Protein backbone atom coordinates (compact mmCIF):
# COMPACT_ATOMS: atom_id res chain seq x y z
CA UNK A 1 -28.04 -108.23 -8.57
CA UNK A 2 -26.09 -109.71 -5.70
CA UNK A 3 -27.12 -112.19 -3.03
CA UNK A 4 -28.76 -109.46 -0.92
CA UNK A 5 -31.85 -109.96 -3.11
CA UNK A 6 -32.60 -113.50 -1.92
CA UNK A 7 -35.61 -114.09 0.37
CA UNK A 8 -33.55 -114.88 3.45
CA UNK A 9 -30.02 -113.81 4.37
CA UNK A 10 -27.32 -116.42 4.70
CA UNK A 11 -26.36 -114.82 8.01
CA UNK A 12 -29.38 -113.36 9.76
CA UNK A 13 -29.10 -110.21 11.90
CA UNK A 14 -28.54 -110.95 15.59
CA UNK A 15 -31.87 -110.33 17.37
CA UNK A 16 -31.82 -107.84 20.22
CA UNK A 17 -32.88 -110.42 22.79
CA UNK A 18 -29.58 -112.20 22.15
CA UNK A 19 -27.41 -109.15 22.72
CA UNK A 20 -25.10 -109.74 25.65
CA UNK A 21 -22.69 -107.48 27.47
CA UNK A 22 -20.16 -107.95 24.67
CA UNK A 23 -22.57 -106.49 22.09
CA UNK A 24 -23.40 -103.56 24.38
CA UNK A 25 -19.69 -102.94 24.87
CA UNK A 26 -19.11 -103.06 21.11
CA UNK A 27 -21.70 -100.34 20.51
CA UNK A 28 -20.04 -98.24 23.24
CA UNK A 29 -16.67 -98.64 21.50
CA UNK A 30 -18.10 -97.89 18.06
CA UNK A 31 -20.24 -94.81 18.72
CA UNK A 32 -20.54 -91.74 20.94
CA UNK A 33 -22.69 -92.28 24.04
CA UNK A 34 -25.80 -90.59 22.67
CA UNK A 35 -25.74 -92.72 19.51
CA UNK A 36 -24.99 -95.95 21.36
CA UNK A 37 -27.80 -95.20 23.82
CA UNK A 38 -30.30 -94.89 20.97
CA UNK A 39 -29.19 -98.20 19.45
CA UNK A 40 -29.28 -99.98 22.81
CA UNK A 41 -32.57 -98.56 24.04
CA UNK A 42 -35.39 -100.98 24.87
CA UNK A 43 -38.03 -98.26 24.70
CA UNK A 44 -41.07 -98.98 22.50
CA UNK A 45 -40.06 -96.15 20.17
CA UNK A 46 -36.37 -97.09 20.11
CA UNK A 47 -34.43 -96.57 16.91
CA UNK A 48 -34.35 -99.59 14.61
CA UNK A 49 -30.77 -100.79 14.33
CA UNK A 50 -29.70 -101.22 10.68
CA UNK A 51 -29.20 -104.74 9.36
CA UNK A 52 -25.52 -104.14 8.76
CA UNK A 53 -24.90 -103.46 12.46
CA UNK A 54 -27.02 -106.31 13.81
CA UNK A 55 -25.29 -108.70 11.42
CA UNK A 56 -21.78 -107.55 12.29
CA UNK A 57 -22.63 -107.93 15.98
CA UNK A 58 -22.30 -111.71 15.61
CA UNK A 59 -18.63 -110.84 16.26
CA UNK A 60 -18.72 -107.90 18.67
CA UNK A 61 -15.01 -107.96 19.51
CA UNK A 62 -14.29 -107.32 15.84
CA UNK A 63 -17.24 -105.09 14.96
CA UNK A 64 -16.83 -102.53 17.75
CA UNK A 65 -13.27 -101.44 16.84
CA UNK A 66 -14.00 -101.81 13.11
CA UNK A 67 -17.02 -99.50 13.25
CA UNK A 68 -15.02 -96.95 15.24
CA UNK A 69 -12.33 -97.05 12.56
CA UNK A 70 -14.89 -96.80 9.77
CA UNK A 71 -16.34 -93.66 11.36
CA UNK A 72 -13.04 -91.91 10.62
CA UNK A 73 -13.57 -92.59 6.90
CA UNK A 74 -17.21 -91.54 7.08
CA UNK A 75 -17.10 -88.55 9.40
CA UNK A 76 -13.61 -87.06 9.12
CA UNK A 77 -12.28 -88.04 5.70
CA UNK A 78 -8.96 -86.45 4.79
CA UNK A 79 -10.00 -86.91 1.15
CA UNK A 80 -13.18 -84.94 1.67
CA UNK A 81 -16.67 -86.36 1.48
CA UNK A 82 -17.28 -86.01 -2.26
CA UNK A 83 -14.07 -87.80 -3.29
CA UNK A 84 -14.69 -90.50 -0.69
CA UNK A 85 -18.17 -91.13 -2.04
CA UNK A 86 -17.00 -91.36 -5.66
CA UNK A 87 -14.43 -93.97 -4.64
CA UNK A 88 -16.93 -95.95 -2.54
CA UNK A 89 -19.52 -95.91 -5.33
CA UNK A 90 -16.97 -97.22 -7.81
CA UNK A 91 -16.10 -100.03 -5.40
CA UNK A 92 -19.78 -100.83 -4.87
CA UNK A 93 -20.38 -100.92 -8.63
CA UNK A 94 -17.41 -103.16 -9.34
CA UNK A 95 -18.20 -105.57 -6.50
CA UNK A 96 -21.92 -105.75 -7.39
CA UNK A 97 -22.82 -104.91 -3.81
CA UNK A 98 -26.47 -103.89 -3.77
CA UNK A 99 -26.41 -102.96 -0.08
CA UNK A 100 -23.33 -100.76 -0.42
CA UNK A 101 -24.60 -99.20 -3.66
CA UNK A 102 -28.05 -98.33 -2.34
CA UNK A 103 -26.74 -96.93 0.93
CA UNK A 104 -24.16 -94.71 -0.76
CA UNK A 105 -26.40 -93.51 -3.57
CA UNK A 106 -28.60 -92.25 -0.72
CA UNK A 107 -25.68 -90.70 1.16
CA UNK A 108 -23.69 -89.22 -1.73
CA UNK A 109 -26.05 -86.34 -2.68
CA UNK A 110 -25.42 -84.78 0.76
CA UNK A 111 -21.86 -84.20 -0.39
CA UNK A 112 -22.37 -82.73 -3.83
CA UNK A 113 -22.53 -85.99 -5.78
CA UNK A 114 -25.26 -85.52 -8.36
CA UNK A 115 -27.53 -88.03 -10.06
CA UNK A 116 -25.44 -87.52 -13.19
CA UNK A 117 -22.28 -88.33 -11.24
CA UNK A 118 -23.85 -91.53 -9.90
CA UNK A 119 -24.93 -92.56 -13.40
CA UNK A 120 -21.39 -91.90 -14.66
CA UNK A 121 -19.75 -94.14 -12.04
CA UNK A 122 -20.41 -97.16 -14.27
CA UNK A 123 -18.21 -95.61 -16.97
CA UNK A 124 -15.27 -94.96 -14.65
CA UNK A 125 -12.68 -92.69 -16.18
CA UNK A 126 -14.51 -92.93 -19.51
CA UNK A 127 -17.06 -90.38 -18.33
CA UNK A 128 -16.29 -86.81 -19.37
CA UNK A 129 -17.62 -85.10 -16.24
CA UNK A 130 -14.74 -85.76 -13.83
CA UNK A 131 -12.02 -83.34 -12.81
CA UNK A 132 -8.50 -84.64 -13.49
CA UNK A 133 -8.11 -85.59 -9.80
CA UNK A 134 -11.46 -87.40 -9.73
CA UNK A 135 -10.58 -89.33 -12.88
CA UNK A 136 -7.22 -90.34 -11.40
CA UNK A 137 -8.86 -91.50 -8.16
CA UNK A 138 -11.35 -93.63 -10.08
CA UNK A 139 -8.53 -95.06 -12.21
CA UNK A 140 -6.50 -95.79 -9.09
CA UNK A 141 -9.54 -97.50 -7.51
CA UNK A 142 -9.77 -99.81 -10.51
CA UNK A 143 -6.04 -100.51 -10.40
CA UNK A 144 -6.17 -101.44 -6.71
CA UNK A 145 -9.08 -103.80 -7.32
CA UNK A 146 -7.51 -105.39 -10.40
CA UNK A 147 -3.80 -105.47 -9.53
CA UNK A 148 -3.67 -104.52 -5.82
CA UNK A 149 -1.37 -101.59 -6.62
CA UNK A 150 -1.73 -98.10 -8.06
CA UNK A 151 0.46 -97.81 -11.13
CA UNK A 152 3.43 -95.43 -11.14
CA UNK A 153 1.99 -92.79 -13.47
CA UNK A 154 -1.33 -92.57 -11.62
CA UNK A 155 0.44 -92.46 -8.26
CA UNK A 156 2.69 -89.65 -9.47
CA UNK A 157 -0.31 -87.58 -10.56
CA UNK A 158 -2.17 -88.22 -7.32
CA UNK A 159 0.90 -87.26 -5.32
CA UNK A 160 0.88 -83.80 -6.90
CA UNK A 161 -2.59 -83.09 -5.51
CA UNK A 162 -2.93 -85.18 -2.36
CA UNK A 163 -1.08 -85.06 0.92
CA UNK A 164 0.49 -88.26 2.27
CA UNK A 165 -2.35 -88.74 4.76
CA UNK A 166 -4.86 -88.52 1.90
CA UNK A 167 -2.96 -91.11 -0.10
CA UNK A 168 -2.96 -93.43 2.91
CA UNK A 169 -6.68 -92.88 3.43
CA UNK A 170 -7.47 -93.47 -0.23
CA UNK A 171 -5.88 -96.92 -0.22
CA UNK A 172 -7.63 -97.81 3.03
CA UNK A 173 -10.98 -96.57 1.69
CA UNK A 174 -10.78 -98.83 -1.35
CA UNK A 175 -9.66 -101.77 0.77
CA UNK A 176 -12.25 -101.19 3.49
CA UNK A 177 -15.23 -100.91 1.18
CA UNK A 178 -14.07 -103.83 -0.94
CA UNK A 179 -13.89 -105.91 2.24
CA UNK A 180 -17.35 -104.73 3.31
CA UNK A 181 -18.79 -105.54 -0.11
CA UNK A 182 -17.35 -109.06 0.04
CA UNK A 183 -18.87 -109.51 3.49
CA UNK A 184 -22.26 -108.06 2.51
CA UNK A 185 -22.47 -110.14 -0.65
CA UNK A 186 -21.45 -113.31 1.19
CA UNK A 187 -23.81 -112.73 4.13
CA UNK A 188 -26.74 -112.06 1.79
CA UNK A 189 -27.22 -108.80 3.69
CA UNK A 190 -30.71 -107.48 3.04
CA UNK A 191 -31.75 -103.88 2.58
CA UNK A 192 -33.42 -102.30 5.58
CA UNK A 193 -37.17 -101.65 5.54
CA UNK A 194 -38.00 -98.61 3.46
CA UNK A 195 -35.02 -99.08 1.17
CA UNK A 196 -35.60 -100.52 -2.26
CA UNK A 197 -33.08 -101.78 -4.79
CA UNK A 198 -32.81 -99.72 -7.91
CA UNK A 199 -34.70 -101.49 -10.68
CA UNK A 200 -31.70 -101.82 -12.95
CA UNK A 201 -28.41 -101.44 -11.16
CA UNK A 202 -25.56 -100.36 -13.44
CA UNK A 203 -23.29 -103.22 -12.46
CA UNK A 204 -20.48 -104.72 -14.58
CA UNK A 205 -21.80 -106.47 -17.64
CA UNK A 206 -24.74 -104.12 -18.10
CA UNK A 207 -22.65 -101.11 -19.06
CA UNK A 208 -19.12 -100.18 -20.16
């Protein structure tokens, strides 16, 4: 388990009563008006803002543009949603990020990622269920995290199947979710109410 399982976060979410104009502006930059309005509403039945957003809002000048950028990876991925989720799950597993892992094991089934796929993430390219492209993307994810570079053979294979914009997005996806995992783990980011950590997370050391 990572530090998100401690009783109190290292960096607590910013309470709504402390949101200034800069936080409101950050939400307006990050999200379409209807979404931002729901997050910013003071109505009794207003949407609860997830811990990740209220924590990032300690630095609204950074978080607004970052969240807008991240929406490109989440909503309009050149890689496609399934490949994006496999890459993100591998990053979450390798970084031992409970928050990232739980959120994306919830999200991934919407995009054709099965329970068996999620279980196989811990085995990386050693699992026998991946297509050749999926196996190469998982291998390339490991290479980026270990050596900060995709090796020549893997890159050559990926280049046969992916367009340049997809190759760019792949590298940014690994880097972005590694950065988020480092932040979440360091902040002690807690799961939101109603979310529960999986009893035995398949993190490094427990499998492979």
